[in-house]
Amino acid sequence: MQPRAKAVYSKISVKSQTVLPQAVRERLRIQPGDRLRYVIDDQGVRIEKDDSQAEDDPFATFSEWSSQDDDKAYGDL
């Protein structure tokens, strides 16, 4: 027997942004600064955590600039 799927919802803002629901963040084990991958196929769109980000992100070494205060001050840039 296949487990029943759980539906969770979020709303798209005027800037085409959304907040990932807590259940999704927990399931993907994502945290602020993590990158997502969107896989598009005939079945639909699947969201996955992109674990390759550390090698691909040239700014990953600048961890001193990744505090909550920095996110608050520069998040809209």
PDB file of N, CA and C in Angstrom:
ATOM      1  N   MET A   1       0.839  -1.183   0.000  1.00  0.00           N
ATOM      2  CA  MET A   1       0.000   0.000   0.000  1.00  0.00           C
ATOM      3  C   MET A   1       0.885   1.249   0.000  1.00  0.00           C
ATOM      4  N   GLN A   2       0.591   2.181  -0.885  1.00  0.00           N
ATOM      5  CA  GLN A   2       1.356   3.413  -1.007  1.00  0.00           C
ATOM      6  C   GLN A   2       0.941   4.393   0.084  1.00  0.00           C
ATOM      7  N   PRO A   3       1.942   5.046   0.744  1.00  0.00           N
ATOM      8  CA  PRO A   3       1.586   6.025   1.782  1.00  0.00           C
ATOM      9  C   PRO A   3       0.845   7.210   1.186  1.00  0.00           C
ATOM     10  N   ARG A   4      -0.052   7.760   1.951  1.00  0.00           N
ATOM     11  CA  ARG A   4      -0.844   8.908   1.504  1.00  0.00           C
ATOM     12  C   ARG A   4       0.027  10.157   1.445  1.00  0.00           C
ATOM     13  N   ALA A   5      -0.064  10.894   0.362  1.00  0.00           N
ATOM     14  CA  ALA A   5       0.705  12.127   0.195  1.00  0.00           C
ATOM     15  C   ALA A   5       0.106  13.225   1.064  1.00  0.00           C
ATOM     16  N   LYS A   6       0.984  14.087   1.573  1.00  0.00           N
ATOM     17  CA  LYS A   6       0.550  15.207   2.393  1.00  0.00           C
ATOM     18  C   LYS A   6       0.679  16.479   1.561  1.00  0.00           C
ATOM     19  N   ALA A   7      -0.366  17.253   1.485  1.00  0.00           N
ATOM     20  CA  ALA A   7      -0.334  18.510   0.740  1.00  0.00           C
ATOM     21  C   ALA A   7      -0.104  19.673   1.692  1.00  0.00           C
ATOM     22  N   VAL A   8       0.825  20.552   1.325  1.00  0.00           N
ATOM     23  CA  VAL A   8       1.048  21.807   2.047  1.00  0.00           C
ATOM     24  C   VAL A   8       1.054  22.915   0.997  1.00  0.00           C
ATOM     25  N   TYR A   9       0.740  24.121   1.404  1.00  0.00           N
ATOM     26  CA  TYR A   9       0.561  25.202   0.450  1.00  0.00           C
ATOM     27  C   TYR A   9       1.359  26.436   0.853  1.00  0.00           C
ATOM     28  N   SER A  10       1.696  27.241  -0.147  1.00  0.00           N
ATOM     29  CA  SER A  10       2.271  28.554   0.088  1.00  0.00           C
ATOM     30  C   SER A  10       1.753  29.477  -1.007  1.00  0.00           C
ATOM     31  N   LYS A  11       1.889  30.751  -0.780  1.00  0.00           N
ATOM     32  CA  LYS A  11       1.356  31.756  -1.706  1.00  0.00           C
ATOM     33  C   LYS A  11       2.518  32.466  -2.397  1.00  0.00           C
ATOM     34  N   ILE A  12       2.343  32.828  -3.656  1.00  0.00           N
ATOM     35  CA  ILE A  12       3.356  33.556  -4.418  1.00  0.00           C
ATOM     36  C   ILE A  12       3.123  35.058  -4.226  1.00  0.00           C
ATOM     37  N   SER A  13       4.194  35.782  -3.895  1.00  0.00           N
ATOM     38  CA  SER A  13       4.097  37.229  -3.696  1.00  0.00           C
ATOM     39  C   SER A  13       4.109  37.947  -5.043  1.00  0.00           C
ATOM     40  N   VAL A  14       3.935  39.259  -5.004  1.00  0.00           N
ATOM     41  CA  VAL A  14       3.974  40.057  -6.232  1.00  0.00           C
ATOM     42  C   VAL A  14       5.360  40.019  -6.880  1.00  0.00           C
ATOM     43  N   LYS A  15       6.379  39.654  -6.116  1.00  0.00           N
ATOM     44  CA  LYS A  15       7.735  39.514  -6.642  1.00  0.00           C
ATOM     45  C   LYS A  15       8.030  38.075  -7.074  1.00  0.00           C
ATOM     46  N   SER A  16       6.990  37.262  -7.173  1.00  0.00           N
ATOM     47  CA  SER A  16       7.116  35.837  -7.541  1.00  0.00           C
ATOM     48  C   SER A  16       7.942  35.049  -6.533  1.00  0.00           C
ATOM     49  N   GLN A  17       7.902  35.447  -5.273  1.00  0.00           N
ATOM     50  CA  GLN A  17       8.609  34.747  -4.206  1.00  0.00           C
ATOM     51  C   GLN A  17       7.607  34.007  -3.345  1.00  0.00           C
ATOM     52  N   THR A  18       8.103  32.988  -2.642  1.00  0.00           N
ATOM     53  CA  THR A  18       7.262  32.244  -1.720  1.00  0.00           C
ATOM     54  C   THR A  18       8.103  31.794  -0.539  1.00  0.00           C
ATOM     55  N   VAL A  19       7.443  31.449   0.554  1.00  0.00           N
ATOM     56  CA  VAL A  19       8.099  30.875   1.716  1.00  0.00           C
ATOM     57  C   VAL A  19       7.843  29.378   1.675  1.00  0.00           C
ATOM     58  N   LEU A  20       8.900  28.603   1.779  1.00  0.00           N
ATOM     59  CA  LEU A  20       8.715  27.153   1.817  1.00  0.00           C
ATOM     60  C   LEU A  20       8.095  26.778   3.153  1.00  0.00           C
ATOM     61  N   PRO A  21       7.021  26.029   3.135  1.00  0.00           N
ATOM     62  CA  PRO A  21       6.395  25.617   4.394  1.00  0.00           C
ATOM     63  C   PRO A  21       7.366  24.818   5.264  1.00  0.00           C
ATOM     64  N   GLN A  22       7.175  24.878   6.560  1.00  0.00           N
ATOM     65  CA  GLN A  22       8.060  24.214   7.503  1.00  0.00           C
ATOM     66  C   GLN A  22       8.188  22.723   7.204  1.00  0.00           C
ATOM     67  N   ALA A  23       7.093  22.073   6.850  1.00  0.00           N
ATOM     68  CA  ALA A  23       7.142  20.635   6.561  1.00  0.00           C
ATOM     69  C   ALA A  23       8.078  20.343   5.385  1.00  0.00           C
ATOM     70  N   VAL A  24       8.103  21.229   4.389  1.00  0.00           N
ATOM     71  CA  VAL A  24       8.988  21.056   3.234  1.00  0.00           C
ATOM     72  C   VAL A  24      10.437  21.285   3.641  1.00  0.00           C
ATOM     73  N   ARG A  25      10.692  22.349   4.407  1.00  0.00           N
ATOM     74  CA  ARG A  25      12.060  22.632   4.872  1.00  0.00           C
ATOM     75  C   ARG A  25      12.607  21.476   5.698  1.00  0.00           C
ATOM     76  N   GLU A  26      11.775  20.928   6.571  1.00  0.00           N
ATOM     77  CA  GLU A  26      12.220  19.809   7.409  1.00  0.00           C
ATOM     78  C   GLU A  26      12.479  18.562   6.573  1.00  0.00           C
ATOM     79  N   ARG A  27      11.605  18.278   5.623  1.00  0.00           N
ATOM     80  CA  ARG A  27      11.750  17.080   4.787  1.00  0.00           C
ATOM     81  C   ARG A  27      13.018  17.148   3.930  1.00  0.00           C
ATOM     82  N   LEU A  28      13.316  18.346   3.394  1.00  0.00           N
ATOM     83  CA  LEU A  28      14.507  18.531   2.570  1.00  0.00           C
ATOM     84  C   LEU A  28      15.761  18.802   3.399  1.00  0.00           C
ATOM     85  N   ARG A  29      15.559  19.034   4.699  1.00  0.00           N
ATOM     86  CA  ARG A  29      16.670  19.365   5.613  1.00  0.00           C
ATOM     87  C   ARG A  29      17.449  20.571   5.093  1.00  0.00           C
ATOM     88  N   ILE A  30      16.704  21.627   4.775  1.00  0.00           N
ATOM     89  CA  ILE A  30      17.353  22.830   4.264  1.00  0.00           C
ATOM     90  C   ILE A  30      17.407  23.907   5.340  1.00  0.00           C
ATOM     91  N   GLN A  31      18.400  24.752   5.196  1.00  0.00           N
ATOM     92  CA  GLN A  31      18.630  25.854   6.126  1.00  0.00           C
ATOM     93  C   GLN A  31      18.900  27.108   5.301  1.00  0.00           C
ATOM     94  N   PRO A  32      18.849  28.275   5.937  1.00  0.00           N
ATOM     95  CA  PRO A  32      19.160  29.507   5.204  1.00  0.00           C
ATOM     96  C   PRO A  32      20.514  29.401   4.506  1.00  0.00           C
ATOM     97  N   GLY A  33      20.563  29.808   3.255  1.00  0.00           N
ATOM     98  CA  GLY A  33      21.791  29.745   2.469  1.00  0.00           C
ATOM     99  C   GLY A  33      21.890  28.512   1.588  1.00  0.00           C
ATOM    100  N   ASP A  34      21.096  27.475   1.860  1.00  0.00           N
ATOM    101  CA  ASP A  34      21.102  26.283   1.017  1.00  0.00           C
ATOM    102  C   ASP A  34      20.494  26.625  -0.339  1.00  0.00           C
ATOM    103  N   ARG A  35      20.862  25.853  -1.335  1.00  0.00           N
ATOM    104  CA  ARG A  35      20.372  26.068  -2.686  1.00  0.00           C
ATOM    105  C   ARG A  35      19.420  24.937  -3.067  1.00  0.00           C
ATOM    106  N   LEU A  36      18.410  25.269  -3.863  1.00  0.00           N
ATOM    107  CA  LEU A  36      17.438  24.282  -4.324  1.00  0.00           C
ATOM    108  C   LEU A  36      17.623  24.026  -5.810  1.00  0.00           C
ATOM    109  N   ARG A  37      17.237  22.825  -6.223  1.00  0.00           N
ATOM    110  CA  ARG A  37      17.253  22.436  -7.634  1.00  0.00           C
ATOM    111  C   ARG A  37      15.816  22.098  -8.021  1.00  0.00           C
ATOM    112  N   TYR A  38      15.361  22.604  -9.153  1.00  0.00           N
ATOM    113  CA  TYR A  38      14.023  22.318  -9.660  1.00  0.00           C
ATOM    114  C   TYR A  38      14.169  21.383 -10.857  1.00  0.00           C
ATOM    115  N   VAL A  39      13.643  20.170 -10.726  1.00  0.00           N
ATOM    116  CA  VAL A  39      13.719  19.174 -11.789  1.00  0.00           C
ATOM    117  C   VAL A  39      12.369  19.159 -12.503  1.00  0.00           C
ATOM    118  N   ILE A  40      12.381  19.505 -13.787  1.00  0.00           N
ATOM    119  CA  ILE A  40      11.150  19.594 -14.578  1.00  0.00           C
ATOM    120  C   ILE A  40      11.130  18.426 -15.553  1.00  0.00           C
ATOM    121  N   ASP A  41      10.064  17.618 -15.497  1.00  0.00           N
ATOM    122  CA  ASP A  41       9.905  16.504 -16.426  1.00  0.00           C
ATOM    123  C   ASP A  41       8.427  16.330 -16.772  1.00  0.00           C
ATOM    124  N   ASP A  42       8.099  15.251 -17.452  1.00  0.00           N
ATOM    125  CA  ASP A  42       6.712  15.014 -17.878  1.00  0.00           C
ATOM    126  C   ASP A  42       5.756  14.816 -16.704  1.00  0.00           C
ATOM    127  N   GLN A  43       6.275  14.442 -15.551  1.00  0.00           N
ATOM    128  CA  GLN A  43       5.447  14.195 -14.378  1.00  0.00           C
ATOM    129  C   GLN A  43       5.116  15.473 -13.615  1.00  0.00           C
ATOM    130  N   GLY A  44       5.904  16.528 -13.829  1.00  0.00           N
ATOM    131  CA  GLY A  44       5.688  17.789 -13.124  1.00  0.00           C
ATOM    132  C   GLY A  44       7.007  18.418 -12.735  1.00  0.00           C
ATOM    133  N   VAL A  45       7.021  19.072 -11.581  1.00  0.00           N
ATOM    134  CA  VAL A  45       8.222  19.736 -11.071  1.00  0.00           C
ATOM    135  C   VAL A  45       8.534  19.175  -9.698  1.00  0.00           C
ATOM    136  N   ARG A  46       9.785  18.801  -9.490  1.00  0.00           N
ATOM    137  CA  ARG A  46      10.232  18.259  -8.210  1.00  0.00           C
ATOM    138  C   ARG A  46      11.277  19.215  -7.632  1.00  0.00           C
ATOM    139  N   ILE A  47      11.168  19.518  -6.348  1.00  0.00           N
ATOM    140  CA  ILE A  47      12.126  20.386  -5.664  1.00  0.00           C
ATOM    141  C   ILE A  47      13.055  19.499  -4.844  1.00  0.00           C
ATOM    142  N   GLU A  48      14.366  19.712  -5.022  1.00  0.00           N
ATOM    143  CA  GLU A  48      15.371  18.942  -4.299  1.00  0.00           C
ATOM    144  C   GLU A  48      16.391  19.893  -3.690  1.00  0.00           C
ATOM    145  N   LYS A  49      17.035  19.447  -2.635  1.00  0.00           N
ATOM    146  CA  LYS A  49      18.152  20.197  -2.074  1.00  0.00           C
ATOM    147  C   LYS A  49      19.354  19.969  -2.976  1.00  0.00           C
ATOM    148  N   ASP A  50      20.078  21.038  -3.304  1.00  0.00           N
ATOM    149  CA  ASP A  50      21.263  20.939  -4.150  1.00  0.00           C
ATOM    150  C   ASP A  50      22.489  20.880  -3.250  1.00  0.00           C
ATOM    151  N   ASP A  51      23.020  19.687  -3.077  1.00  0.00           N
ATOM    152  CA  ASP A  51      24.176  19.504  -2.190  1.00  0.00           C
ATOM    153  C   ASP A  51      25.496  19.891  -2.850  1.00  0.00           C
ATOM    154  N   SER A  52      25.486  20.221  -4.125  1.00  0.00           N
ATOM    155  CA  SER A  52      26.729  20.570  -4.816  1.00  0.00           C
ATOM    156  C   SER A  52      27.108  22.031  -4.640  1.00  0.00           C
ATOM    157  N   GLN A  53      26.333  22.783  -3.888  1.00  0.00           N
ATOM    158  CA  GLN A  53      26.525  24.229  -3.810  1.00  0.00           C
ATOM    159  C   GLN A  53      27.878  24.655  -3.263  1.00  0.00           C
ATOM    160  N   ALA A  54      28.462  23.934  -2.331  1.00  0.00           N
ATOM    161  CA  ALA A  54      29.716  24.366  -1.718  1.00  0.00           C
ATOM    162  C   ALA A  54      30.823  24.500  -2.755  1.00  0.00           C
ATOM    163  N   GLU A  55      30.902  23.567  -3.700  1.00  0.00           N
ATOM    164  CA  GLU A  55      31.942  23.634  -4.718  1.00  0.00           C
ATOM    165  C   GLU A  55      31.640  24.707  -5.752  1.00  0.00           C
ATOM    166  N   ASP A  56      30.368  24.962  -6.015  1.00  0.00           N
ATOM    167  CA  ASP A  56      29.978  25.882  -7.074  1.00  0.00           C
ATOM    168  C   ASP A  56      29.877  27.333  -6.622  1.00  0.00           C
ATOM    169  N   ASP A  57      29.776  27.578  -5.330  1.00  0.00           N
ATOM    170  CA  ASP A  57      29.530  28.926  -4.821  1.00  0.00           C
ATOM    171  C   ASP A  57      30.841  29.628  -4.501  1.00  0.00           C
ATOM    172  N   PRO A  58      31.249  30.616  -5.310  1.00  0.00           N
ATOM    173  CA  PRO A  58      32.515  31.302  -5.038  1.00  0.00           C
ATOM    174  C   PRO A  58      32.488  32.121  -3.751  1.00  0.00           C
ATOM    175  N   PHE A  59      31.290  32.395  -3.198  1.00  0.00           N
ATOM    176  CA  PHE A  59      31.188  33.178  -1.981  1.00  0.00           C
ATOM    177  C   PHE A  59      31.045  32.308  -0.732  1.00  0.00           C
ATOM    178  N   ALA A  60      31.124  30.987  -0.875  1.00  0.00           N
ATOM    179  CA  ALA A  60      30.952  30.088   0.261  1.00  0.00           C
ATOM    180  C   ALA A  60      32.002  30.330   1.339  1.00  0.00           C
ATOM    181  N   THR A  61      33.165  30.823   0.955  1.00  0.00           N
ATOM    182  CA  THR A  61      34.222  31.062   1.932  1.00  0.00           C
ATOM    183  C   THR A  61      33.996  32.319   2.756  1.00  0.00           C
ATOM    184  N   PHE A  62      33.057  33.184   2.354  1.00  0.00           N
ATOM    185  CA  PHE A  62      32.785  34.413   3.075  1.00  0.00           C
ATOM    186  C   PHE A  62      31.723  34.211   4.146  1.00  0.00           C
ATOM    187  N   SER A  63      31.904  33.229   4.994  1.00  0.00           N
ATOM    188  CA  SER A  63      30.897  32.898   6.008  1.00  0.00           C
ATOM    189  C   SER A  63      30.734  34.002   7.048  1.00  0.00           C
ATOM    190  N   GLU A  64      31.731  34.881   7.177  1.00  0.00           N
ATOM    191  CA  GLU A  64      31.607  35.964   8.152  1.00  0.00           C
ATOM    192  C   GLU A  64      30.541  36.966   7.739  1.00  0.00           C
ATOM    193  N   TRP A  65      30.066  36.892   6.500  1.00  0.00           N
ATOM    194  CA  TRP A  65      29.031  37.794   6.016  1.00  0.00           C
ATOM    195  C   TRP A  65      27.689  37.093   5.859  1.00  0.00           C
ATOM    196  N   SER A  66      27.498  36.011   6.567  1.00  0.00           N
ATOM    197  CA  SER A  66      26.252  35.259   6.398  1.00  0.00           C
ATOM    198  C   SER A  66      25.465  35.154   7.698  1.00  0.00           C
ATOM    199  N   SER A  67      25.467  36.231   8.458  1.00  0.00           N
ATOM    200  CA  SER A  67      24.704  36.229   9.705  1.00  0.00           C
ATOM    201  C   SER A  67      23.254  36.655   9.445  1.00  0.00           C
ATOM    202  N   GLN A  68      22.409  36.475  10.442  1.00  0.00           N
ATOM    203  CA  GLN A  68      21.021  36.922  10.320  1.00  0.00           C
ATOM    204  C   GLN A  68      20.946  38.436  10.156  1.00  0.00           C
ATOM    205  N   ASP A  69      21.850  39.156  10.821  1.00  0.00           N
ATOM    206  CA  ASP A  69      21.874  40.621  10.681  1.00  0.00           C
ATOM    207  C   ASP A  69      22.188  41.031   9.251  1.00  0.00           C
ATOM    208  N   ASP A  70      23.137  40.318   8.616  1.00  0.00           N
ATOM    209  CA  ASP A  70      23.464  40.619   7.222  1.00  0.00           C
ATOM    210  C   ASP A  70      22.287  40.309   6.308  1.00  0.00           C
ATOM    211  N   ASP A  71      21.624  39.177   6.549  1.00  0.00           N
ATOM    212  CA  ASP A  71      20.441  38.829   5.750  1.00  0.00           C
ATOM    213  C   ASP A  71      19.369  39.911   5.873  1.00  0.00           C
ATOM    214  N   LYS A  72      19.202  40.410   7.092  1.00  0.00           N
ATOM    215  CA  LYS A  72      18.181  41.449   7.341  1.00  0.00           C
ATOM    216  C   LYS A  72      18.563  42.755   6.643  1.00  0.00           C
ATOM    217  N   ALA A  73      19.845  43.128   6.733  1.00  0.00           N
ATOM    218  CA  ALA A  73      20.301  44.393   6.181  1.00  0.00           C
ATOM    219  C   ALA A  73      20.385  44.380   4.650  1.00  0.00           C
ATOM    220  N   TYR A  74      20.784  43.229   4.088  1.00  0.00           N
ATOM    221  CA  TYR A  74      21.060  43.176   2.650  1.00  0.00           C
ATOM    222  C   TYR A  74      20.151  42.220   1.890  1.00  0.00           C
ATOM    223  N   GLY A  75      19.130  41.682   2.541  1.00  0.00           N
ATOM    224  CA  GLY A  75      18.272  40.675   1.931  1.00  0.00           C
ATOM    225  C   GLY A  75      17.480  41.144   0.721  1.00  0.00           C
ATOM    226  N   ASP A  76      17.240  42.450   0.604  1.00  0.00           N
ATOM    227  CA  ASP A  76      16.449  42.959  -0.509  1.00  0.00           C
ATOM    228  C   ASP A  76      17.292  43.418  -1.691  1.00  0.00           C
ATOM    229  N   LEU A  77      18.586  43.216  -1.615  1.00  0.00           N
ATOM    230  CA  LEU A  77      19.451  43.682  -2.727  1.00  0.00           C
ATOM    231  C   LEU A  77      19.371  42.751  -3.901  1.00  0.00           C
TER     232      LEU A  77
END
